[in-house]
Amino acid sequence: MIRTASYAMVLWTSLVLVLMAFRTVNLSGQQSAEVQEQLTLVMWVGLVPAGLAGALAGWMRLRHASRDIKPRLIFNATDAREVAPGL
């Protein structure tokens, strides 16, 4: 769940930064700085909820996953060279 929480926080930060990059293109210097400050605050405030949402998604995935699901493809290697033929 820590991994999904951190991925959700990185996704949130990335989305806000993309919004910041494209939202401030046509603004003047002062307006651009104000929008950047507001979006930075939104980014910081949204990190905790994004992390909690990611952890909840990971928890739900583990809790509701079927236990009898088998991998679709299993390759039984008898030698290490079969796994990494270039080595």
PDB file of N, CA and C in Angstrom:
ATOM      1  N   MET A   1       0.813  -1.188   0.000  1.00  0.00           N
ATOM      2  CA  MET A   1       0.000   0.000   0.000  1.00  0.00           C
ATOM      3  C   MET A   1       0.865   1.264   0.000  1.00  0.00           C
ATOM      4  N   ILE A   2       2.064   1.135   0.561  1.00  0.00           N
ATOM      5  CA  ILE A   2       2.972   2.285   0.538  1.00  0.00           C
ATOM      6  C   ILE A   2       3.358   2.620  -0.896  1.00  0.00           C
ATOM      7  N   ARG A   3       3.553   1.581  -1.706  1.00  0.00           N
ATOM      8  CA  ARG A   3       3.926   1.815  -3.097  1.00  0.00           C
ATOM      9  C   ARG A   3       2.795   2.509  -3.861  1.00  0.00           C
ATOM     10  N   THR A   4       1.566   2.035  -3.704  1.00  0.00           N
ATOM     11  CA  THR A   4       0.463   2.666  -4.427  1.00  0.00           C
ATOM     12  C   THR A   4       0.216   4.079  -3.906  1.00  0.00           C
ATOM     13  N   ALA A   5       0.438   4.301  -2.619  1.00  0.00           N
ATOM     14  CA  ALA A   5       0.287   5.653  -2.067  1.00  0.00           C
ATOM     15  C   ALA A   5       1.332   6.586  -2.666  1.00  0.00           C
ATOM     16  N   SER A   6       2.570   6.120  -2.748  1.00  0.00           N
ATOM     17  CA  SER A   6       3.610   6.991  -3.308  1.00  0.00           C
ATOM     18  C   SER A   6       3.396   7.216  -4.793  1.00  0.00           C
ATOM     19  N   TYR A   7       2.938   6.190  -5.524  1.00  0.00           N
ATOM     20  CA  TYR A   7       2.635   6.386  -6.948  1.00  0.00           C
ATOM     21  C   TYR A   7       1.500   7.390  -7.132  1.00  0.00           C
ATOM     22  N   ALA A   8       0.493   7.332  -6.275  1.00  0.00           N
ATOM     23  CA  ALA A   8      -0.617   8.281  -6.374  1.00  0.00           C
ATOM     24  C   ALA A   8      -0.147   9.701  -6.080  1.00  0.00           C
ATOM     25  N   MET A   9       0.775   9.842  -5.137  1.00  0.00           N
ATOM     26  CA  MET A   9       1.299  11.173  -4.823  1.00  0.00           C
ATOM     27  C   MET A   9       2.140  11.717  -5.978  1.00  0.00           C
ATOM     28  N   VAL A  10       2.912  10.860  -6.614  1.00  0.00           N
ATOM     29  CA  VAL A  10       3.693  11.288  -7.783  1.00  0.00           C
ATOM     30  C   VAL A  10       2.761  11.654  -8.935  1.00  0.00           C
ATOM     31  N   LEU A  11       1.710  10.873  -9.131  1.00  0.00           N
ATOM     32  CA  LEU A  11       0.738  11.189 -10.175  1.00  0.00           C
ATOM     33  C   LEU A  11       0.070  12.535  -9.905  1.00  0.00           C
ATOM     34  N   TRP A  12      -0.328  12.783  -8.668  1.00  0.00           N
ATOM     35  CA  TRP A  12      -0.959  14.054  -8.303  1.00  0.00           C
ATOM     36  C   TRP A  12      -0.017  15.226  -8.578  1.00  0.00           C
ATOM     37  N   THR A  13       1.224  15.083  -8.144  1.00  0.00           N
ATOM     38  CA  THR A  13       2.201  16.150  -8.356  1.00  0.00           C
ATOM     39  C   THR A  13       2.420  16.398  -9.839  1.00  0.00           C
ATOM     40  N   SER A  14       2.511  15.336 -10.615  1.00  0.00           N
ATOM     41  CA  SER A  14       2.715  15.469 -12.056  1.00  0.00           C
ATOM     42  C   SER A  14       1.547  16.187 -12.727  1.00  0.00           C
ATOM     43  N   LEU A  15       0.340  15.827 -12.334  1.00  0.00           N
ATOM     44  CA  LEU A  15      -0.832  16.480 -12.935  1.00  0.00           C
ATOM     45  C   LEU A  15      -0.878  17.966 -12.610  1.00  0.00           C
ATOM     46  N   VAL A  16      -0.573  18.314 -11.367  1.00  0.00           N
ATOM     47  CA  VAL A  16      -0.589  19.727 -10.986  1.00  0.00           C
ATOM     48  C   VAL A  16       0.521  20.494 -11.711  1.00  0.00           C
ATOM     49  N   LEU A  17       1.686  19.877 -11.860  1.00  0.00           N
ATOM     50  CA  LEU A  17       2.785  20.553 -12.554  1.00  0.00           C
ATOM     51  C   LEU A  17       2.494  20.722 -14.039  1.00  0.00           C
ATOM     52  N   VAL A  18       1.828  19.750 -14.652  1.00  0.00           N
ATOM     53  CA  VAL A  18       1.417  19.907 -16.055  1.00  0.00           C
ATOM     54  C   VAL A  18       0.408  21.040 -16.168  1.00  0.00           C
ATOM     55  N   LEU A  19      -0.526  21.091 -15.248  1.00  0.00           N
ATOM     56  CA  LEU A  19      -1.495  22.186 -15.234  1.00  0.00           C
ATOM     57  C   LEU A  19      -0.789  23.520 -15.069  1.00  0.00           C
ATOM     58  N   MET A  20       0.210  23.562 -14.191  1.00  0.00           N
ATOM     59  CA  MET A  20       0.946  24.799 -13.977  1.00  0.00           C
ATOM     60  C   MET A  20       1.719  25.213 -15.228  1.00  0.00           C
ATOM     61  N   ALA A  21       2.292  24.257 -15.916  1.00  0.00           N
ATOM     62  CA  ALA A  21       3.080  24.567 -17.103  1.00  0.00           C
ATOM     63  C   ALA A  21       2.220  25.135 -18.220  1.00  0.00           C
ATOM     64  N   PHE A  22       1.037  24.578 -18.412  1.00  0.00           N
ATOM     65  CA  PHE A  22       0.208  25.023 -19.519  1.00  0.00           C
ATOM     66  C   PHE A  22      -0.792  26.107 -19.136  1.00  0.00           C
ATOM     67  N   ARG A  23      -1.047  26.293 -17.865  1.00  0.00           N
ATOM     68  CA  ARG A  23      -1.999  27.327 -17.421  1.00  0.00           C
ATOM     69  C   ARG A  23      -1.355  28.707 -17.416  1.00  0.00           C
ATOM     70  N   THR A  24      -0.064  28.769 -17.205  1.00  0.00           N
ATOM     71  CA  THR A  24       0.600  30.063 -17.052  1.00  0.00           C
ATOM     72  C   THR A  24       1.288  30.539 -18.328  1.00  0.00           C
ATOM     73  N   VAL A  25       1.031  29.904 -19.451  1.00  0.00           N
ATOM     74  CA  VAL A  25       1.722  30.257 -20.695  1.00  0.00           C
ATOM     75  C   VAL A  25       1.362  31.650 -21.169  1.00  0.00           C
ATOM     76  N   ASN A  26       0.101  31.999 -21.195  1.00  0.00           N
ATOM     77  CA  ASN A  26      -0.348  33.271 -21.768  1.00  0.00           C
ATOM     78  C   ASN A  26      -0.589  34.353 -20.727  1.00  0.00           C
ATOM     79  N   LEU A  27      -0.065  34.199 -19.537  1.00  0.00           N
ATOM     80  CA  LEU A  27      -0.292  35.191 -18.491  1.00  0.00           C
ATOM     81  C   LEU A  27       0.916  36.114 -18.371  1.00  0.00           C
ATOM     82  N   SER A  28       0.669  37.291 -17.823  1.00  0.00           N
ATOM     83  CA  SER A  28       1.772  38.218 -17.590  1.00  0.00           C
ATOM     84  C   SER A  28       2.608  37.725 -16.410  1.00  0.00           C
ATOM     85  N   GLY A  29       3.715  38.386 -16.128  1.00  0.00           N
ATOM     86  CA  GLY A  29       4.623  37.956 -15.078  1.00  0.00           C
ATOM     87  C   GLY A  29       3.980  37.882 -13.711  1.00  0.00           C
ATOM     88  N   GLN A  30       3.235  38.923 -13.320  1.00  0.00           N
ATOM     89  CA  GLN A  30       2.604  38.946 -11.990  1.00  0.00           C
ATOM     90  C   GLN A  30       1.481  37.912 -11.907  1.00  0.00           C
ATOM     91  N   GLN A  31       0.651  37.824 -12.940  1.00  0.00           N
ATOM     92  CA  GLN A  31      -0.432  36.854 -12.927  1.00  0.00           C
ATOM     93  C   GLN A  31       0.119  35.431 -12.919  1.00  0.00           C
ATOM     94  N   SER A  32       1.166  35.212 -13.678  1.00  0.00           N
ATOM     95  CA  SER A  32       1.780  33.893 -13.738  1.00  0.00           C
ATOM     96  C   SER A  32       2.326  33.487 -12.366  1.00  0.00           C
ATOM     97  N   ALA A  33       2.960  34.413 -11.685  1.00  0.00           N
ATOM     98  CA  ALA A  33       3.507  34.127 -10.356  1.00  0.00           C
ATOM     99  C   ALA A  33       2.392  33.804  -9.363  1.00  0.00           C
ATOM    100  N   GLU A  34       1.270  34.533  -9.446  1.00  0.00           N
ATOM    101  CA  GLU A  34       0.151  34.276  -8.541  1.00  0.00           C
ATOM    102  C   GLU A  34      -0.452  32.895  -8.791  1.00  0.00           C
ATOM    103  N   VAL A  35      -0.637  32.557 -10.061  1.00  0.00           N
ATOM    104  CA  VAL A  35      -1.204  31.249 -10.398  1.00  0.00           C
ATOM    105  C   VAL A  35      -0.250  30.136  -9.972  1.00  0.00           C
ATOM    106  N   GLN A  36       1.045  30.354 -10.156  1.00  0.00           N
ATOM    107  CA  GLN A  36       2.023  29.351  -9.748  1.00  0.00           C
ATOM    108  C   GLN A  36       2.009  29.150  -8.232  1.00  0.00           C
ATOM    109  N   GLU A  37       1.870  30.239  -7.488  1.00  0.00           N
ATOM    110  CA  GLU A  37       1.791  30.114  -6.024  1.00  0.00           C
ATOM    111  C   GLU A  37       0.544  29.347  -5.604  1.00  0.00           C
ATOM    112  N   GLN A  38      -0.585  29.645  -6.240  1.00  0.00           N
ATOM    113  CA  GLN A  38      -1.833  28.960  -5.891  1.00  0.00           C
ATOM    114  C   GLN A  38      -1.752  27.472  -6.232  1.00  0.00           C
ATOM    115  N   LEU A  39      -1.216  27.156  -7.403  1.00  0.00           N
ATOM    116  CA  LEU A  39      -1.121  25.751  -7.799  1.00  0.00           C
ATOM    117  C   LEU A  39      -0.099  24.988  -6.946  1.00  0.00           C
ATOM    118  N   THR A  40       0.941  25.672  -6.513  1.00  0.00           N
ATOM    119  CA  THR A  40       1.903  25.030  -5.617  1.00  0.00           C
ATOM    120  C   THR A  40       1.243  24.691  -4.288  1.00  0.00           C
ATOM    121  N   LEU A  41       0.429  25.597  -3.782  1.00  0.00           N
ATOM    122  CA  LEU A  41      -0.307  25.322  -2.547  1.00  0.00           C
ATOM    123  C   LEU A  41      -1.276  24.160  -2.749  1.00  0.00           C
ATOM    124  N   VAL A  42      -1.964  24.147  -3.881  1.00  0.00           N
ATOM    125  CA  VAL A  42      -2.883  23.042  -4.190  1.00  0.00           C
ATOM    126  C   VAL A  42      -2.120  21.727  -4.247  1.00  0.00           C
ATOM    127  N   MET A  43      -0.922  21.766  -4.832  1.00  0.00           N
ATOM    128  CA  MET A  43      -0.115  20.554  -4.921  1.00  0.00           C
ATOM    129  C   MET A  43       0.257  20.040  -3.534  1.00  0.00           C
ATOM    130  N   TRP A  44       0.737  20.928  -2.656  1.00  0.00           N
ATOM    131  CA  TRP A  44       1.146  20.512  -1.315  1.00  0.00           C
ATOM    132  C   TRP A  44      -0.033  20.015  -0.491  1.00  0.00           C
ATOM    133  N   VAL A  45      -1.155  20.716  -0.575  1.00  0.00           N
ATOM    134  CA  VAL A  45      -2.334  20.328   0.212  1.00  0.00           C
ATOM    135  C   VAL A  45      -2.913  19.014  -0.306  1.00  0.00           C
ATOM    136  N   GLY A  46      -2.809  18.775  -1.603  1.00  0.00           N
ATOM    137  CA  GLY A  46      -3.384  17.566  -2.186  1.00  0.00           C
ATOM    138  C   GLY A  46      -2.532  16.324  -2.056  1.00  0.00           C
ATOM    139  N   LEU A  47      -1.296  16.456  -1.582  1.00  0.00           N
ATOM    140  CA  LEU A  47      -0.429  15.284  -1.475  1.00  0.00           C
ATOM    141  C   LEU A  47      -0.961  14.249  -0.478  1.00  0.00           C
ATOM    142  N   VAL A  48      -1.413  14.697   0.669  1.00  0.00           N
ATOM    143  CA  VAL A  48      -1.911  13.756   1.680  1.00  0.00           C
ATOM    144  C   VAL A  48      -3.176  13.047   1.205  1.00  0.00           C
ATOM    145  N   PRO A  49      -4.180  13.758   0.678  1.00  0.00           N
ATOM    146  CA  PRO A  49      -5.355  13.033   0.167  1.00  0.00           C
ATOM    147  C   PRO A  49      -5.016  12.091  -0.989  1.00  0.00           C
ATOM    148  N   ALA A  50      -4.090  12.498  -1.848  1.00  0.00           N
ATOM    149  CA  ALA A  50      -3.700  11.617  -2.953  1.00  0.00           C
ATOM    150  C   ALA A  50      -3.024  10.363  -2.416  1.00  0.00           C
ATOM    151  N   GLY A  51      -2.172  10.511  -1.420  1.00  0.00           N
ATOM    152  CA  GLY A  51      -1.533   9.357  -0.817  1.00  0.00           C
ATOM    153  C   GLY A  51      -2.540   8.442  -0.130  1.00  0.00           C
ATOM    154  N   LEU A  52      -3.481   9.023   0.570  1.00  0.00           N
ATOM    155  CA  LEU A  52      -4.511   8.215   1.223  1.00  0.00           C
ATOM    156  C   LEU A  52      -5.383   7.494   0.200  1.00  0.00           C
ATOM    157  N   ALA A  53      -5.708   8.166  -0.897  1.00  0.00           N
ATOM    158  CA  ALA A  53      -6.499   7.536  -1.954  1.00  0.00           C
ATOM    159  C   ALA A  53      -5.720   6.382  -2.589  1.00  0.00           C
ATOM    160  N   GLY A  54      -4.431   6.576  -2.796  1.00  0.00           N
ATOM    161  CA  GLY A  54      -3.613   5.507  -3.352  1.00  0.00           C
ATOM    162  C   GLY A  54      -3.508   4.318  -2.412  1.00  0.00           C
ATOM    163  N   ALA A  55      -3.332   4.587  -1.118  1.00  0.00           N
ATOM    164  CA  ALA A  55      -3.265   3.505  -0.141  1.00  0.00           C
ATOM    165  C   ALA A  55      -4.600   2.772  -0.063  1.00  0.00           C
ATOM    166  N   LEU A  56      -5.696   3.506  -0.125  1.00  0.00           N
ATOM    167  CA  LEU A  56      -7.019   2.883  -0.118  1.00  0.00           C
ATOM    168  C   LEU A  56      -7.220   2.024  -1.357  1.00  0.00           C
ATOM    169  N   ALA A  57      -6.780   2.501  -2.507  1.00  0.00           N
ATOM    170  CA  ALA A  57      -6.893   1.709  -3.734  1.00  0.00           C
ATOM    171  C   ALA A  57      -6.078   0.427  -3.630  1.00  0.00           C
ATOM    172  N   GLY A  58      -4.880   0.516  -3.078  1.00  0.00           N
ATOM    173  CA  GLY A  58      -4.065  -0.681  -2.889  1.00  0.00           C
ATOM    174  C   GLY A  58      -4.684  -1.653  -1.906  1.00  0.00           C
ATOM    175  N   TRP A  59      -5.241  -1.127  -0.832  1.00  0.00           N
ATOM    176  CA  TRP A  59      -5.891  -1.973   0.165  1.00  0.00           C
ATOM    177  C   TRP A  59      -7.109  -2.681  -0.429  1.00  0.00           C
ATOM    178  N   MET A  60      -7.913  -1.927  -1.189  1.00  0.00           N
ATOM    179  CA  MET A  60      -9.101  -2.518  -1.811  1.00  0.00           C
ATOM    180  C   MET A  60      -8.708  -3.583  -2.827  1.00  0.00           C
ATOM    181  N   ARG A  61      -7.651  -3.325  -3.571  1.00  0.00           N
ATOM    182  CA  ARG A  61      -7.185  -4.296  -4.559  1.00  0.00           C
ATOM    183  C   ARG A  61      -6.760  -5.600  -3.874  1.00  0.00           C
ATOM    184  N   LEU A  62      -6.021  -5.489  -2.776  1.00  0.00           N
ATOM    185  CA  LEU A  62      -5.588  -6.693  -2.068  1.00  0.00           C
ATOM    186  C   LEU A  62      -6.745  -7.403  -1.373  1.00  0.00           C
ATOM    187  N   ARG A  63      -7.661  -6.628  -0.856  1.00  0.00           N
ATOM    188  CA  ARG A  63      -8.779  -7.232  -0.120  1.00  0.00           C
ATOM    189  C   ARG A  63      -9.761  -7.937  -1.046  1.00  0.00           C
ATOM    190  N   HIS A  64     -10.013  -7.374  -2.216  1.00  0.00           N
ATOM    191  CA  HIS A  64     -11.040  -7.915  -3.099  1.00  0.00           C
ATOM    192  C   HIS A  64     -10.475  -8.741  -4.247  1.00  0.00           C
ATOM    193  N   ALA A  65      -9.185  -9.000  -4.251  1.00  0.00           N
ATOM    194  CA  ALA A  65      -8.599  -9.830  -5.303  1.00  0.00           C
ATOM    195  C   ALA A  65      -8.958 -11.289  -5.053  1.00  0.00           C
ATOM    196  N   SER A  66      -9.251 -11.969  -6.108  1.00  0.00           N
ATOM    197  CA  SER A  66      -9.569 -13.383  -6.001  1.00  0.00           C
ATOM    198  C   SER A  66      -8.290 -14.164  -5.703  1.00  0.00           C
ATOM    199  N   ARG A  67      -8.370 -15.092  -4.786  1.00  0.00           N
ATOM    200  CA  ARG A  67      -7.185 -15.837  -4.357  1.00  0.00           C
ATOM    201  C   ARG A  67      -6.831 -16.980  -5.311  1.00  0.00           C
ATOM    202  N   ASP A  68      -7.769 -17.379  -6.170  1.00  0.00           N
ATOM    203  CA  ASP A  68      -7.507 -18.535  -7.027  1.00  0.00           C
ATOM    204  C   ASP A  68      -7.076 -18.143  -8.444  1.00  0.00           C
ATOM    205  N   ILE A  69      -6.680 -16.903  -8.645  1.00  0.00           N
ATOM    206  CA  ILE A  69      -6.220 -16.471  -9.959  1.00  0.00           C
ATOM    207  C   ILE A  69      -4.807 -16.984 -10.182  1.00  0.00           C
ATOM    208  N   LYS A  70      -4.606 -17.634 -11.306  1.00  0.00           N
ATOM    209  CA  LYS A  70      -3.303 -18.170 -11.652  1.00  0.00           C
ATOM    210  C   LYS A  70      -2.673 -17.304 -12.746  1.00  0.00           C
ATOM    211  N   PRO A  71      -1.349 -17.220 -12.788  1.00  0.00           N
ATOM    212  CA  PRO A  71      -0.709 -16.481 -13.872  1.00  0.00           C
ATOM    213  C   PRO A  71      -1.066 -17.099 -15.224  1.00  0.00           C
ATOM    214  N   ARG A  72      -1.198 -16.286 -16.239  1.00  0.00           N
ATOM    215  CA  ARG A  72      -1.591 -16.783 -17.557  1.00  0.00           C
ATOM    216  C   ARG A  72      -0.461 -17.528 -18.256  1.00  0.00           C
ATOM    217  N   LEU A  73       0.743 -17.107 -18.018  1.00  0.00           N
ATOM    218  CA  LEU A  73       1.867 -17.723 -18.703  1.00  0.00           C
ATOM    219  C   LEU A  73       2.980 -17.984 -17.700  1.00  0.00           C
ATOM    220  N   ILE A  74       3.339 -19.215 -17.575  1.00  0.00           N
ATOM    221  CA  ILE A  74       4.441 -19.580 -16.689  1.00  0.00           C
ATOM    222  C   ILE A  74       5.490 -20.271 -17.547  1.00  0.00           C
ATOM    223  N   PHE A  75       6.682 -19.712 -17.547  1.00  0.00           N
ATOM    224  CA  PHE A  75       7.783 -20.307 -18.289  1.00  0.00           C
ATOM    225  C   PHE A  75       8.723 -20.946 -17.302  1.00  0.00           C
ATOM    226  N   ASN A  76       8.840 -22.253 -17.374  1.00  0.00           N
ATOM    227  CA  ASN A  76       9.722 -22.979 -16.472  1.00  0.00           C
ATOM    228  C   ASN A  76      11.100 -23.086 -17.107  1.00  0.00           C
ATOM    229  N   ALA A  77      12.013 -22.280 -16.636  1.00  0.00           N
ATOM    230  CA  ALA A  77      13.371 -22.304 -17.152  1.00  0.00           C
ATOM    231  C   ALA A  77      14.150 -23.380 -16.421  1.00  0.00           C
ATOM    232  N   THR A  78      14.882 -24.164 -17.177  1.00  0.00           N
ATOM    233  CA  THR A  78      15.710 -25.197 -16.572  1.00  0.00           C
ATOM    234  C   THR A  78      17.158 -24.745 -16.430  1.00  0.00           C
ATOM    235  N   ASP A  79      17.500 -23.643 -17.095  1.00  0.00           N
ATOM    236  CA  ASP A  79      18.867 -23.150 -17.067  1.00  0.00           C
ATOM    237  C   ASP A  79      18.827 -21.623 -17.031  1.00  0.00           C
ATOM    238  N   ALA A  80      19.794 -21.003 -16.383  1.00  0.00           N
ATOM    239  CA  ALA A  80      19.835 -19.544 -16.276  1.00  0.00           C
ATOM    240  C   ALA A  80      19.996 -18.887 -17.639  1.00  0.00           C
ATOM    241  N   ARG A  81      20.592 -19.582 -18.584  1.00  0.00           N
ATOM    242  CA  ARG A  81      20.790 -19.000 -19.925  1.00  0.00           C
ATOM    243  C   ARG A  81      19.468 -18.860 -20.667  1.00  0.00           C
ATOM    244  N   GLU A  82      18.450 -19.599 -20.283  1.00  0.00           N
ATOM    245  CA  GLU A  82      17.145 -19.484 -20.934  1.00  0.00           C
ATOM    246  C   GLU A  82      16.444 -18.196 -20.503  1.00  0.00           C
ATOM    247  N   VAL A  83      16.742 -17.714 -19.333  1.00  0.00           N
ATOM    248  CA  VAL A  83      16.108 -16.509 -18.819  1.00  0.00           C
ATOM    249  C   VAL A  83      16.730 -15.272 -19.437  1.00  0.00           C
ATOM    250  N   ALA A  84      18.033 -15.241 -19.512  1.00  0.00           N
ATOM    251  CA  ALA A  84      18.766 -14.104 -20.078  1.00  0.00           C
ATOM    252  C   ALA A  84      19.709 -14.618 -21.154  1.00  0.00           C
ATOM    253  N   PRO A  85      19.210 -14.813 -22.386  1.00  0.00           N
ATOM    254  CA  PRO A  85      20.035 -15.435 -23.412  1.00  0.00           C
ATOM    255  C   PRO A  85      21.244 -14.587 -23.824  1.00  0.00           C
ATOM    256  N   GLY A  86      21.211 -13.298 -23.597  1.00  0.00           N
ATOM    257  CA  GLY A  86      22.330 -12.450 -24.020  1.00  0.00           C
ATOM    258  C   GLY A  86      23.491 -12.470 -23.063  1.00  0.00           C
ATOM    259  N   LEU A  87      23.355 -13.065 -21.901  1.00  0.00           N
ATOM    260  CA  LEU A  87      24.442 -13.047 -20.918  1.00  0.00           C
ATOM    261  C   LEU A  87      25.357 -14.219 -21.057  1.00  0.00           C
TER     262      LEU A  87
END
